[in-house]
Amino acid sequence: MRAGGVRGYLATFAAPNPIMIPLNFIESLTRAFSLLVRLFGNVMSGVFVVGIVASLAGLLVPIPLMALDLLTGAVQAYIFAVLAMVFIAGAVEDDSPNPTRAAGTSGGTPRQTSEKRTSP
C-alpha cells in the first residue's frame, strides 16, 4: 500500500482477473471476522466453565479456574495482537524489491570463487 497508494491497494483485489474482486474482498473481511470469533469464543468458553463449576460445586471452587481464565485471556490477547500485526503488515507491504537482494547478495557471507592458482 505504501508504493501504490489506495488505488494500487484496491487494484490488488482484481488480481489475477476482475472476476475475483468479490472473492478477494470477502477474503479481506473474513480475516478480521475470524480474529473476532476466535477471541470471543475463547473468552466466552472460560466464562461458561467458571459458571458451570460455580453452579455445581459452590463459590470457592471456581477461584483457581478464574485465575486460569485470566491467563488464557492474556495469551489470547497476545495471539490476537500478533495476528493483527501480521495482517496489517501484509496489507501495507511494499512490493518493491530489496536492493541488496536484487544485486545477488543475500546478506550472508560473500561467495568464494574457486580458481586454480598457479605457483610462480
PDB file of N, CA and C in Angstrom:
ATOM      1  N   MET A   1       0.824  -1.183   0.000  1.00  0.00           N
ATOM      2  CA  MET A   1       0.000   0.000   0.000  1.00  0.00           C
ATOM      3  C   MET A   1       0.870   1.250   0.000  1.00  0.00           C
ATOM      4  N   ARG A   2       2.069   1.153   0.548  1.00  0.00           N
ATOM      5  CA  ARG A   2       2.953   2.316   0.569  1.00  0.00           C
ATOM      6  C   ARG A   2       3.369   2.714  -0.840  1.00  0.00           C
ATOM      7  N   ALA A   3       3.688   1.734  -1.671  1.00  0.00           N
ATOM      8  CA  ALA A   3       4.198   2.056  -3.005  1.00  0.00           C
ATOM      9  C   ALA A   3       3.084   2.472  -3.951  1.00  0.00           C
ATOM     10  N   GLY A   4       1.950   1.768  -3.920  1.00  0.00           N
ATOM     11  CA  GLY A   4       0.898   2.033  -4.889  1.00  0.00           C
ATOM     12  C   GLY A   4      -0.207   2.934  -4.389  1.00  0.00           C
ATOM     13  N   GLY A   5      -0.257   3.206  -3.104  1.00  0.00           N
ATOM     14  CA  GLY A   5      -1.316   4.029  -2.554  1.00  0.00           C
ATOM     15  C   GLY A   5      -2.635   3.275  -2.478  1.00  0.00           C
ATOM     16  N   VAL A   6      -3.696   4.013  -2.241  1.00  0.00           N
ATOM     17  CA  VAL A   6      -5.018   3.402  -2.100  1.00  0.00           C
ATOM     18  C   VAL A   6      -5.460   2.785  -3.413  1.00  0.00           C
ATOM     19  N   ARG A   7      -5.191   3.476  -4.501  1.00  0.00           N
ATOM     20  CA  ARG A   7      -5.598   2.950  -5.815  1.00  0.00           C
ATOM     21  C   ARG A   7      -4.883   1.641  -6.135  1.00  0.00           C
ATOM     22  N   GLY A   8      -3.603   1.566  -5.821  1.00  0.00           N
ATOM     23  CA  GLY A   8      -2.849   0.334  -6.043  1.00  0.00           C
ATOM     24  C   GLY A   8      -3.335  -0.799  -5.158  1.00  0.00           C
ATOM     25  N   TYR A   9      -3.696  -0.452  -3.905  1.00  0.00           N
ATOM     26  CA  TYR A   9      -4.220  -1.468  -2.994  1.00  0.00           C
ATOM     27  C   TYR A   9      -5.553  -2.017  -3.496  1.00  0.00           C
ATOM     28  N   LEU A  10      -6.424  -1.138  -3.953  1.00  0.00           N
ATOM     29  CA  LEU A  10      -7.715  -1.594  -4.480  1.00  0.00           C
ATOM     30  C   LEU A  10      -7.539  -2.383  -5.770  1.00  0.00           C
ATOM     31  N   ALA A  11      -6.487  -2.087  -6.527  1.00  0.00           N
ATOM     32  CA  ALA A  11      -6.221  -2.846  -7.752  1.00  0.00           C
ATOM     33  C   ALA A  11      -5.807  -4.275  -7.443  1.00  0.00           C
ATOM     34  N   THR A  12      -5.270  -4.535  -6.240  1.00  0.00           N
ATOM     35  CA  THR A  12      -4.881  -5.906  -5.903  1.00  0.00           C
ATOM     36  C   THR A  12      -6.090  -6.818  -5.743  1.00  0.00           C
ATOM     37  N   PHE A  13      -7.267  -6.240  -5.519  1.00  0.00           N
ATOM     38  CA  PHE A  13      -8.476  -7.056  -5.432  1.00  0.00           C
ATOM     39  C   PHE A  13      -8.837  -7.663  -6.788  1.00  0.00           C
ATOM     40  N   ALA A  14      -8.364  -7.063  -7.860  1.00  0.00           N
ATOM     41  CA  ALA A  14      -8.667  -7.554  -9.201  1.00  0.00           C
ATOM     42  C   ALA A  14      -7.651  -8.579  -9.689  1.00  0.00           C
ATOM     43  N   ALA A  15      -6.710  -8.971  -8.863  1.00  0.00           N
ATOM     44  CA  ALA A  15      -5.709  -9.960  -9.279  1.00  0.00           C
ATOM     45  C   ALA A  15      -6.253 -11.359  -9.042  1.00  0.00           C
ATOM     46  N   PRO A  16      -6.094 -12.300  -9.877  1.00  0.00           N
ATOM     47  CA  PRO A  16      -5.474 -12.329 -11.198  1.00  0.00           C
ATOM     48  C   PRO A  16      -6.398 -11.861 -12.316  1.00  0.00           C
ATOM     49  N   ASN A  17      -7.707 -11.752 -12.064  1.00  0.00           N
ATOM     50  CA  ASN A  17      -8.602 -11.160 -13.063  1.00  0.00           C
ATOM     51  C   ASN A  17      -9.756 -10.472 -12.342  1.00  0.00           C
ATOM     52  N   PRO A  18     -10.478  -9.580 -13.025  1.00  0.00           N
ATOM     53  CA  PRO A  18     -11.532  -8.795 -12.352  1.00  0.00           C
ATOM     54  C   PRO A  18     -12.696  -9.625 -11.807  1.00  0.00           C
ATOM     55  N   ILE A  19     -12.855 -10.835 -12.257  1.00  0.00           N
ATOM     56  CA  ILE A  19     -13.932 -11.691 -11.741  1.00  0.00           C
ATOM     57  C   ILE A  19     -13.701 -12.027 -10.271  1.00  0.00           C
ATOM     58  N   MET A  20     -12.459 -11.964  -9.824  1.00  0.00           N
ATOM     59  CA  MET A  20     -12.094 -12.326  -8.457  1.00  0.00           C
ATOM     60  C   MET A  20     -12.325 -11.204  -7.445  1.00  0.00           C
ATOM     61  N   ILE A  21     -12.780 -10.031  -7.863  1.00  0.00           N
ATOM     62  CA  ILE A  21     -12.951  -8.892  -6.960  1.00  0.00           C
ATOM     63  C   ILE A  21     -13.848  -9.236  -5.770  1.00  0.00           C
ATOM     64  N   PRO A  22     -15.048  -9.821  -5.970  1.00  0.00           N
ATOM     65  CA  PRO A  22     -15.877 -10.127  -4.795  1.00  0.00           C
ATOM     66  C   PRO A  22     -15.226 -11.132  -3.845  1.00  0.00           C
ATOM     67  N   LEU A  23     -14.583 -12.142  -4.399  1.00  0.00           N
ATOM     68  CA  LEU A  23     -13.955 -13.165  -3.561  1.00  0.00           C
ATOM     69  C   LEU A  23     -12.776 -12.591  -2.773  1.00  0.00           C
ATOM     70  N   ASN A  24     -11.960 -11.769  -3.404  1.00  0.00           N
ATOM     71  CA  ASN A  24     -10.826 -11.155  -2.712  1.00  0.00           C
ATOM     72  C   ASN A  24     -11.296 -10.174  -1.642  1.00  0.00           C
ATOM     73  N   PHE A  25     -12.396  -9.469  -1.895  1.00  0.00           N
ATOM     74  CA  PHE A  25     -12.943  -8.553  -0.893  1.00  0.00           C
ATOM     75  C   PHE A  25     -13.477  -9.326   0.314  1.00  0.00           C
ATOM     76  N   ILE A  26     -14.179 -10.423   0.046  1.00  0.00           N
ATOM     77  CA  ILE A  26     -14.702 -11.261   1.139  1.00  0.00           C
ATOM     78  C   ILE A  26     -13.552 -11.853   1.947  1.00  0.00           C
ATOM     79  N   GLU A  27     -12.464 -12.211   1.269  1.00  0.00           N
ATOM     80  CA  GLU A  27     -11.301 -12.755   1.973  1.00  0.00           C
ATOM     81  C   GLU A  27     -10.733 -11.751   2.967  1.00  0.00           C
ATOM     82  N   SER A  28     -10.647 -10.486   2.572  1.00  0.00           N
ATOM     83  CA  SER A  28     -10.099  -9.484   3.482  1.00  0.00           C
ATOM     84  C   SER A  28     -11.026  -9.246   4.674  1.00  0.00           C
ATOM     85  N   LEU A  29     -12.325  -9.363   4.479  1.00  0.00           N
ATOM     86  CA  LEU A  29     -13.262  -9.204   5.592  1.00  0.00           C
ATOM     87  C   LEU A  29     -13.254 -10.409   6.527  1.00  0.00           C
ATOM     88  N   THR A  30     -13.105 -11.610   5.964  1.00  0.00           N
ATOM     89  CA  THR A  30     -13.144 -12.805   6.806  1.00  0.00           C
ATOM     90  C   THR A  30     -11.905 -12.924   7.691  1.00  0.00           C
ATOM     91  N   ARG A  31     -10.797 -12.322   7.306  1.00  0.00           N
ATOM     92  CA  ARG A  31      -9.620 -12.334   8.187  1.00  0.00           C
ATOM     93  C   ARG A  31      -9.936 -11.637   9.506  1.00  0.00           C
ATOM     94  N   ALA A  32     -10.499 -10.447   9.418  1.00  0.00           N
ATOM     95  CA  ALA A  32     -10.845  -9.710  10.631  1.00  0.00           C
ATOM     96  C   ALA A  32     -11.951 -10.429  11.405  1.00  0.00           C
ATOM     97  N   PHE A  33     -12.924 -10.980  10.700  1.00  0.00           N
ATOM     98  CA  PHE A  33     -14.018 -11.681  11.367  1.00  0.00           C
ATOM     99  C   PHE A  33     -13.520 -12.929  12.082  1.00  0.00           C
ATOM    100  N   SER A  34     -12.562 -13.644  11.486  1.00  0.00           N
ATOM    101  CA  SER A  34     -12.043 -14.848  12.138  1.00  0.00           C
ATOM    102  C   SER A  34     -11.291 -14.497  13.421  1.00  0.00           C
ATOM    103  N   LEU A  35     -10.576 -13.369  13.435  1.00  0.00           N
ATOM    104  CA  LEU A  35      -9.925 -12.931  14.668  1.00  0.00           C
ATOM    105  C   LEU A  35     -10.960 -12.612  15.741  1.00  0.00           C
ATOM    106  N   LEU A  36     -12.029 -11.948  15.343  1.00  0.00           N
ATOM    107  CA  LEU A  36     -13.078 -11.582  16.285  1.00  0.00           C
ATOM    108  C   LEU A  36     -13.740 -12.821  16.885  1.00  0.00           C
ATOM    109  N   VAL A  37     -14.084 -13.794  16.045  1.00  0.00           N
ATOM    110  CA  VAL A  37     -14.761 -15.008  16.519  1.00  0.00           C
ATOM    111  C   VAL A  37     -13.833 -15.828  17.409  1.00  0.00           C
ATOM    112  N   ARG A  38     -12.566 -15.895  17.055  1.00  0.00           N
ATOM    113  CA  ARG A  38     -11.604 -16.649  17.865  1.00  0.00           C
ATOM    114  C   ARG A  38     -11.481 -16.059  19.268  1.00  0.00           C
ATOM    115  N   LEU A  39     -11.312 -14.753  19.345  1.00  0.00           N
ATOM    116  CA  LEU A  39     -11.175 -14.104  20.644  1.00  0.00           C
ATOM    117  C   LEU A  39     -12.457 -14.229  21.460  1.00  0.00           C
ATOM    118  N   PHE A  40     -13.599 -13.998  20.835  1.00  0.00           N
ATOM    119  CA  PHE A  40     -14.880 -14.103  21.532  1.00  0.00           C
ATOM    120  C   PHE A  40     -15.116 -15.524  22.042  1.00  0.00           C
ATOM    121  N   GLY A  41     -14.858 -16.522  21.215  1.00  0.00           N
ATOM    122  CA  GLY A  41     -15.070 -17.912  21.616  1.00  0.00           C
ATOM    123  C   GLY A  41     -14.204 -18.335  22.780  1.00  0.00           C
ATOM    124  N   ASN A  42     -12.951 -17.925  22.766  1.00  0.00           N
ATOM    125  CA  ASN A  42     -12.053 -18.308  23.852  1.00  0.00           C
ATOM    126  C   ASN A  42     -12.405 -17.616  25.161  1.00  0.00           C
ATOM    127  N   VAL A  43     -12.803 -16.364  25.095  1.00  0.00           N
ATOM    128  CA  VAL A  43     -13.181 -15.654  26.312  1.00  0.00           C
ATOM    129  C   VAL A  43     -14.483 -16.226  26.875  1.00  0.00           C
ATOM    130  N   MET A  44     -15.454 -16.472  26.012  1.00  0.00           N
ATOM    131  CA  MET A  44     -16.743 -16.990  26.477  1.00  0.00           C
ATOM    132  C   MET A  44     -16.630 -18.415  27.014  1.00  0.00           C
ATOM    133  N   SER A  45     -15.726 -19.218  26.464  1.00  0.00           N
ATOM    134  CA  SER A  45     -15.573 -20.583  26.978  1.00  0.00           C
ATOM    135  C   SER A  45     -15.100 -20.553  28.427  1.00  0.00           C
ATOM    136  N   GLY A  46     -14.187 -19.641  28.752  1.00  0.00           N
ATOM    137  CA  GLY A  46     -13.744 -19.523  30.134  1.00  0.00           C
ATOM    138  C   GLY A  46     -14.863 -19.085  31.054  1.00  0.00           C
ATOM    139  N   VAL A  47     -15.688 -18.171  30.602  1.00  0.00           N
ATOM    140  CA  VAL A  47     -16.822 -17.706  31.408  1.00  0.00           C
ATOM    141  C   VAL A  47     -17.813 -18.837  31.640  1.00  0.00           C
ATOM    142  N   PHE A  48     -18.082 -19.609  30.608  1.00  0.00           N
ATOM    143  CA  PHE A  48     -19.032 -20.726  30.742  1.00  0.00           C
ATOM    144  C   PHE A  48     -18.508 -21.794  31.695  1.00  0.00           C
ATOM    145  N   VAL A  49     -17.223 -22.121  31.612  1.00  0.00           N
ATOM    146  CA  VAL A  49     -16.652 -23.135  32.504  1.00  0.00           C
ATOM    147  C   VAL A  49     -16.742 -22.675  33.956  1.00  0.00           C
ATOM    148  N   VAL A  50     -16.381 -21.430  34.219  1.00  0.00           N
ATOM    149  CA  VAL A  50     -16.460 -20.908  35.582  1.00  0.00           C
ATOM    150  C   VAL A  50     -17.909 -20.902  36.055  1.00  0.00           C
ATOM    151  N   GLY A  51     -18.851 -20.530  35.213  1.00  0.00           N
ATOM    152  CA  GLY A  51     -20.263 -20.521  35.589  1.00  0.00           C
ATOM    153  C   GLY A  51     -20.810 -21.899  35.899  1.00  0.00           C
ATOM    154  N   ILE A  52     -20.429 -22.889  35.093  1.00  0.00           N
ATOM    155  CA  ILE A  52     -20.906 -24.257  35.325  1.00  0.00           C
ATOM    156  C   ILE A  52     -20.318 -24.815  36.612  1.00  0.00           C
ATOM    157  N   VAL A  53     -19.013 -24.624  36.818  1.00  0.00           N
ATOM    158  CA  VAL A  53     -18.378 -25.127  38.040  1.00  0.00           C
ATOM    159  C   VAL A  53     -18.944 -24.414  39.263  1.00  0.00           C
ATOM    160  N   ALA A  54     -19.214 -23.125  39.177  1.00  0.00           N
ATOM    161  CA  ALA A  54     -19.781 -22.382  40.301  1.00  0.00           C
ATOM    162  C   ALA A  54     -21.175 -22.886  40.642  1.00  0.00           C
ATOM    163  N   SER A  55     -21.957 -23.241  39.626  1.00  0.00           N
ATOM    164  CA  SER A  55     -23.313 -23.721  39.903  1.00  0.00           C
ATOM    165  C   SER A  55     -23.312 -25.146  40.456  1.00  0.00           C
ATOM    166  N   LEU A  56     -22.301 -25.923  40.139  1.00  0.00           N
ATOM    167  CA  LEU A  56     -22.254 -27.316  40.596  1.00  0.00           C
ATOM    168  C   LEU A  56     -21.490 -27.503  41.904  1.00  0.00           C
ATOM    169  N   ALA A  57     -20.418 -26.754  42.111  1.00  0.00           N
ATOM    170  CA  ALA A  57     -19.525 -27.050  43.221  1.00  0.00           C
ATOM    171  C   ALA A  57     -19.512 -26.010  44.326  1.00  0.00           C
ATOM    172  N   GLY A  58     -20.063 -24.879  44.139  1.00  0.00           N
ATOM    173  CA  GLY A  58     -20.025 -23.862  45.191  1.00  0.00           C
ATOM    174  C   GLY A  58     -19.247 -22.648  44.748  1.00  0.00           C
ATOM    175  N   LEU A  59     -19.034 -21.745  45.682  1.00  0.00           N
ATOM    176  CA  LEU A  59     -18.442 -20.469  45.306  1.00  0.00           C
ATOM    177  C   LEU A  59     -16.918 -20.423  45.408  1.00  0.00           C
ATOM    178  N   LEU A  60     -16.285 -21.235  46.238  1.00  0.00           N
ATOM    179  CA  LEU A  60     -14.832 -21.166  46.399  1.00  0.00           C
ATOM    180  C   LEU A  60     -14.074 -22.036  45.413  1.00  0.00           C
ATOM    181  N   VAL A  61     -14.702 -23.051  44.875  1.00  0.00           N
ATOM    182  CA  VAL A  61     -14.011 -23.976  43.968  1.00  0.00           C
ATOM    183  C   VAL A  61     -13.619 -23.306  42.649  1.00  0.00           C
ATOM    184  N   PRO A  62     -14.430 -22.430  42.051  1.00  0.00           N
ATOM    185  CA  PRO A  62     -14.038 -21.868  40.745  1.00  0.00           C
ATOM    186  C   PRO A  62     -12.956 -20.789  40.790  1.00  0.00           C
ATOM    187  N   ILE A  63     -12.454 -20.426  41.968  1.00  0.00           N
ATOM    188  CA  ILE A  63     -11.445 -19.366  42.040  1.00  0.00           C
ATOM    189  C   ILE A  63     -10.175 -19.734  41.260  1.00  0.00           C
ATOM    190  N   PRO A  64      -9.632 -20.970  41.357  1.00  0.00           N
ATOM    191  CA  PRO A  64      -8.467 -21.301  40.520  1.00  0.00           C
ATOM    192  C   PRO A  64      -8.796 -21.271  39.030  1.00  0.00           C
ATOM    193  N   LEU A  65     -10.029 -21.624  38.681  1.00  0.00           N
ATOM    194  CA  LEU A  65     -10.417 -21.566  37.271  1.00  0.00           C
ATOM    195  C   LEU A  65     -10.497 -20.128  36.781  1.00  0.00           C
ATOM    196  N   MET A  66     -10.870 -19.214  37.651  1.00  0.00           N
ATOM    197  CA  MET A  66     -10.896 -17.803  37.273  1.00  0.00           C
ATOM    198  C   MET A  66      -9.483 -17.301  36.990  1.00  0.00           C
ATOM    199  N   ALA A  67      -8.518 -17.740  37.795  1.00  0.00           N
ATOM    200  CA  ALA A  67      -7.120 -17.362  37.556  1.00  0.00           C
ATOM    201  C   ALA A  67      -6.637 -17.945  36.229  1.00  0.00           C
ATOM    202  N   LEU A  68      -7.014 -19.179  35.969  1.00  0.00           N
ATOM    203  CA  LEU A  68      -6.656 -19.805  34.695  1.00  0.00           C
ATOM    204  C   LEU A  68      -7.315 -19.075  33.527  1.00  0.00           C
ATOM    205  N   ASP A  69      -8.527 -18.601  33.745  1.00  0.00           N
ATOM    206  CA  ASP A  69      -9.227 -17.852  32.706  1.00  0.00           C
ATOM    207  C   ASP A  69      -8.515 -16.524  32.419  1.00  0.00           C
ATOM    208  N   LEU A  70      -7.972 -15.877  33.448  1.00  0.00           N
ATOM    209  CA  LEU A  70      -7.200 -14.657  33.234  1.00  0.00           C
ATOM    210  C   LEU A  70      -5.937 -14.938  32.424  1.00  0.00           C
ATOM    211  N   LEU A  71      -5.265 -16.037  32.718  1.00  0.00           N
ATOM    212  CA  LEU A  71      -4.074 -16.411  31.962  1.00  0.00           C
ATOM    213  C   LEU A  71      -4.427 -16.705  30.511  1.00  0.00           C
ATOM    214  N   THR A  72      -5.517 -17.431  30.304  1.00  0.00           N
ATOM    215  CA  THR A  72      -5.955 -17.746  28.943  1.00  0.00           C
ATOM    216  C   THR A  72      -6.299 -16.467  28.185  1.00  0.00           C
ATOM    217  N   GLY A  73      -6.946 -15.524  28.859  1.00  0.00           N
ATOM    218  CA  GLY A  73      -7.274 -14.254  28.221  1.00  0.00           C
ATOM    219  C   GLY A  73      -6.037 -13.475  27.818  1.00  0.00           C
ATOM    220  N   ALA A  74      -5.009 -13.495  28.651  1.00  0.00           N
ATOM    221  CA  ALA A  74      -3.766 -12.800  28.323  1.00  0.00           C
ATOM    222  C   ALA A  74      -3.088 -13.433  27.111  1.00  0.00           C
ATOM    223  N   VAL A  75      -3.068 -14.754  27.059  1.00  0.00           N
ATOM    224  CA  VAL A  75      -2.468 -15.447  25.919  1.00  0.00           C
ATOM    225  C   VAL A  75      -3.255 -15.149  24.642  1.00  0.00           C
ATOM    226  N   GLN A  76      -4.574 -15.169  24.733  1.00  0.00           N
ATOM    227  CA  GLN A  76      -5.402 -14.890  23.561  1.00  0.00           C
ATOM    228  C   GLN A  76      -5.234 -13.451  23.089  1.00  0.00           C
ATOM    229  N   ALA A  77      -5.084 -12.517  24.006  1.00  0.00           N
ATOM    230  CA  ALA A  77      -4.853 -11.122  23.616  1.00  0.00           C
ATOM    231  C   ALA A  77      -3.515 -10.988  22.895  1.00  0.00           C
ATOM    232  N   TYR A  78      -2.505 -11.723  23.364  1.00  0.00           N
ATOM    233  CA  TYR A  78      -1.203 -11.705  22.696  1.00  0.00           C
ATOM    234  C   TYR A  78      -1.311 -12.274  21.290  1.00  0.00           C
ATOM    235  N   ILE A  79      -1.981 -13.415  21.147  1.00  0.00           N
ATOM    236  CA  ILE A  79      -2.151 -14.041  19.831  1.00  0.00           C
ATOM    237  C   ILE A  79      -2.938 -13.109  18.908  1.00  0.00           C
ATOM    238  N   PHE A  80      -3.977 -12.483  19.427  1.00  0.00           N
ATOM    239  CA  PHE A  80      -4.767 -11.542  18.639  1.00  0.00           C
ATOM    240  C   PHE A  80      -3.896 -10.395  18.138  1.00  0.00           C
ATOM    241  N   ALA A  81      -3.066  -9.853  19.006  1.00  0.00           N
ATOM    242  CA  ALA A  81      -2.207  -8.732  18.617  1.00  0.00           C
ATOM    243  C   ALA A  81      -1.188  -9.152  17.557  1.00  0.00           C
ATOM    244  N   VAL A  82      -0.604 -10.332  17.701  1.00  0.00           N
ATOM    245  CA  VAL A  82       0.374 -10.801  16.724  1.00  0.00           C
ATOM    246  C   VAL A  82      -0.284 -11.045  15.373  1.00  0.00           C
ATOM    247  N   LEU A  83      -1.438 -11.712  15.365  1.00  0.00           N
ATOM    248  CA  LEU A  83      -2.121 -11.957  14.098  1.00  0.00           C
ATOM    249  C   LEU A  83      -2.583 -10.661  13.448  1.00  0.00           C
ATOM    250  N   ALA A  84      -3.042  -9.714  14.243  1.00  0.00           N
ATOM    251  CA  ALA A  84      -3.443  -8.422  13.684  1.00  0.00           C
ATOM    252  C   ALA A  84      -2.242  -7.712  13.057  1.00  0.00           C
ATOM    253  N   MET A  85      -1.069  -7.786  13.720  1.00  0.00           N
ATOM    254  CA  MET A  85       0.123  -7.171  13.148  1.00  0.00           C
ATOM    255  C   MET A  85       0.527  -7.836  11.838  1.00  0.00           C
ATOM    256  N   VAL A  86       0.398  -9.153  11.766  1.00  0.00           N
ATOM    257  CA  VAL A  86       0.736  -9.873  10.538  1.00  0.00           C
ATOM    258  C   VAL A  86      -0.198  -9.458   9.404  1.00  0.00           C
ATOM    259  N   PHE A  87      -1.495  -9.371   9.681  1.00  0.00           N
ATOM    260  CA  PHE A  87      -2.450  -8.989   8.653  1.00  0.00           C
ATOM    261  C   PHE A  87      -2.241  -7.545   8.204  1.00  0.00           C
ATOM    262  N   ILE A  88      -1.974  -6.649   9.151  1.00  0.00           N
ATOM    263  CA  ILE A  88      -1.741  -5.248   8.791  1.00  0.00           C
ATOM    264  C   ILE A  88      -0.441  -5.112   8.003  1.00  0.00           C
ATOM    265  N   ALA A  89       0.601  -5.828   8.414  1.00  0.00           N
ATOM    266  CA  ALA A  89       1.867  -5.776   7.681  1.00  0.00           C
ATOM    267  C   ALA A  89       1.706  -6.323   6.269  1.00  0.00           C
ATOM    268  N   GLY A  90       0.879  -7.339   6.101  1.00  0.00           N
ATOM    269  CA  GLY A  90       0.616  -7.864   4.764  1.00  0.00           C
ATOM    270  C   GLY A  90      -0.147  -6.884   3.902  1.00  0.00           C
ATOM    271  N   ALA A  91      -1.006  -6.075   4.522  1.00  0.00           N
ATOM    272  CA  ALA A  91      -1.794  -5.108   3.760  1.00  0.00           C
ATOM    273  C   ALA A  91      -0.952  -3.921   3.314  1.00  0.00           C
ATOM    274  N   VAL A  92       0.013  -3.511   4.121  1.00  0.00           N
ATOM    275  CA  VAL A  92       0.820  -2.344   3.773  1.00  0.00           C
ATOM    276  C   VAL A  92       2.195  -2.726   3.234  1.00  0.00           C
ATOM    277  N   GLU A  93       2.396  -3.977   2.921  1.00  0.00           N
ATOM    278  CA  GLU A  93       3.689  -4.462   2.461  1.00  0.00           C
ATOM    279  C   GLU A  93       4.104  -3.775   1.176  1.00  0.00           C
ATOM    280  N   ASP A  94       5.365  -3.424   1.109  1.00  0.00           N
ATOM    281  CA  ASP A  94       5.934  -2.792  -0.074  1.00  0.00           C
ATOM    282  C   ASP A  94       6.406  -3.887  -1.013  1.00  0.00           C
ATOM    283  N   ASP A  95       5.935  -3.867  -2.256  1.00  0.00           N
ATOM    284  CA  ASP A  95       6.286  -4.915  -3.211  1.00  0.00           C
ATOM    285  C   ASP A  95       7.545  -4.616  -3.996  1.00  0.00           C
ATOM    286  N   SER A  96       8.212  -3.505  -3.713  1.00  0.00           N
ATOM    287  CA  SER A  96       9.431  -3.195  -4.435  1.00  0.00           C
ATOM    288  C   SER A  96      10.547  -4.119  -3.953  1.00  0.00           C
ATOM    289  N   PRO A  97      11.429  -4.531  -4.862  1.00  0.00           N
ATOM    290  CA  PRO A  97      12.488  -5.462  -4.459  1.00  0.00           C
ATOM    291  C   PRO A  97      13.518  -4.801  -3.561  1.00  0.00           C
ATOM    292  N   ASN A  98      14.119  -5.618  -2.722  1.00  0.00           N
ATOM    293  CA  ASN A  98      15.170  -5.160  -1.825  1.00  0.00           C
ATOM    294  C   ASN A  98      16.439  -4.975  -2.647  1.00  0.00           C
ATOM    295  N   PRO A  99      17.091  -3.813  -2.602  1.00  0.00           N
ATOM    296  CA  PRO A  99      18.260  -3.593  -3.458  1.00  0.00           C
ATOM    297  C   PRO A  99      19.411  -4.544  -3.173  1.00  0.00           C
ATOM    298  N   THR A 100      19.596  -4.980  -1.938  1.00  0.00           N
ATOM    299  CA  THR A 100      20.697  -5.898  -1.663  1.00  0.00           C
ATOM    300  C   THR A 100      20.407  -7.277  -2.220  1.00  0.00           C
ATOM    301  N   ARG A 101      19.155  -7.687  -2.211  1.00  0.00           N
ATOM    302  CA  ARG A 101      18.809  -8.990  -2.770  1.00  0.00           C
ATOM    303  C   ARG A 101      18.835  -8.955  -4.288  1.00  0.00           C
ATOM    304  N   ALA A 102      18.492  -7.820  -4.878  1.00  0.00           N
ATOM    305  CA  ALA A 102      18.480  -7.718  -6.332  1.00  0.00           C
ATOM    306  C   ALA A 102      19.892  -7.778  -6.894  1.00  0.00           C
ATOM    307  N   ALA A 103      20.870  -7.341  -6.118  1.00  0.00           N
ATOM    308  CA  ALA A 103      22.249  -7.347  -6.590  1.00  0.00           C
ATOM    309  C   ALA A 103      22.893  -8.716  -6.472  1.00  0.00           C
ATOM    310  N   GLY A 104      22.185  -9.680  -5.903  1.00  0.00           N
ATOM    311  CA  GLY A 104      22.720 -11.026  -5.823  1.00  0.00           C
ATOM    312  C   GLY A 104      23.301 -11.380  -4.475  1.00  0.00           C
ATOM    313  N   THR A 105      23.321 -10.441  -3.548  1.00  0.00           N
ATOM    314  CA  THR A 105      23.816 -10.759  -2.216  1.00  0.00           C
ATOM    315  C   THR A 105      22.636 -11.053  -1.322  1.00  0.00           C
ATOM    316  N   SER A 106      22.791 -12.012  -0.480  1.00  0.00           N
ATOM    317  CA  SER A 106      21.690 -12.398   0.397  1.00  0.00           C
ATOM    318  C   SER A 106      21.924 -11.945   1.822  1.00  0.00           C
ATOM    319  N   GLY A 107      22.874 -11.085   2.030  1.00  0.00           N
ATOM    320  CA  GLY A 107      23.129 -10.601   3.375  1.00  0.00           C
ATOM    321  C   GLY A 107      24.080 -11.492   4.148  1.00  0.00           C
ATOM    322  N   GLY A 108      24.433 -12.625   3.617  1.00  0.00           N
ATOM    323  CA  GLY A 108      25.337 -13.535   4.306  1.00  0.00           C
ATOM    324  C   GLY A 108      26.768 -13.276   3.884  1.00  0.00           C
ATOM    325  N   THR A 109      27.603 -14.292   3.959  1.00  0.00           N
ATOM    326  CA  THR A 109      28.989 -14.144   3.557  1.00  0.00           C
ATOM    327  C   THR A 109      29.076 -14.156   2.044  1.00  0.00           C
ATOM    328  N   PRO A 110      30.025 -13.416   1.486  1.00  0.00           N
ATOM    329  CA  PRO A 110      30.144 -13.390   0.025  1.00  0.00           C
ATOM    330  C   PRO A 110      30.610 -14.736  -0.514  1.00  0.00           C
ATOM    331  N   ARG A 111      30.225 -14.979  -1.736  1.00  0.00           N
ATOM    332  CA  ARG A 111      30.581 -16.235  -2.377  1.00  0.00           C
ATOM    333  C   ARG A 111      32.074 -16.258  -2.693  1.00  0.00           C
ATOM    334  N   GLN A 112      32.678 -17.408  -2.468  1.00  0.00           N
ATOM    335  CA  GLN A 112      34.083 -17.543  -2.801  1.00  0.00           C
ATOM    336  C   GLN A 112      34.197 -18.292  -4.118  1.00  0.00           C
ATOM    337  N   THR A 113      35.013 -17.761  -4.984  1.00  0.00           N
ATOM    338  CA  THR A 113      35.202 -18.426  -6.262  1.00  0.00           C
ATOM    339  C   THR A 113      36.370 -19.378  -6.157  1.00  0.00           C
ATOM    340  N   SER A 114      36.207 -20.485  -6.811  1.00  0.00           N
ATOM    341  CA  SER A 114      37.294 -21.471  -6.781  1.00  0.00           C
ATOM    342  C   SER A 114      38.108 -21.325  -8.068  1.00  0.00           C
ATOM    343  N   GLU A 115      39.249 -20.753  -7.916  1.00  0.00           N
ATOM    344  CA  GLU A 115      40.147 -20.592  -9.057  1.00  0.00           C
ATOM    345  C   GLU A 115      41.412 -21.386  -8.785  1.00  0.00           C
ATOM    346  N   LYS A 116      41.923 -21.945  -9.831  1.00  0.00           N
ATOM    347  CA  LYS A 116      43.183 -22.663  -9.688  1.00  0.00           C
ATOM    348  C   LYS A 116      44.323 -21.649  -9.630  1.00  0.00           C
ATOM    349  N   ARG A 117      45.119 -21.798  -8.630  1.00  0.00           N
ATOM    350  CA  ARG A 117      46.257 -20.908  -8.502  1.00  0.00           C
ATOM    351  C   ARG A 117      47.480 -21.616  -9.068  1.00  0.00           C
ATOM    352  N   THR A 118      48.207 -20.870  -9.778  1.00  0.00           N
ATOM    353  CA  THR A 118      49.456 -21.422 -10.303  1.00  0.00           C
ATOM    354  C   THR A 118      50.599 -20.843  -9.500  1.00  0.00           C
ATOM    355  N   SER A 119      51.492 -21.680  -9.142  1.00  0.00           N
ATOM    356  CA  SER A 119      52.634 -21.206  -8.358  1.00  0.00           C
ATOM    357  C   SER A 119      53.686 -20.659  -9.284  1.00  0.00           C
ATOM    358  N   PRO A 120      54.440 -19.614  -8.883  1.00  0.00           N
ATOM    359  CA  PRO A 120      55.454 -18.986  -9.756  1.00  0.00           C
ATOM    360  C   PRO A 120      56.678 -19.819  -9.945  1.00  0.00           C
TER     361      PRO A 120
END
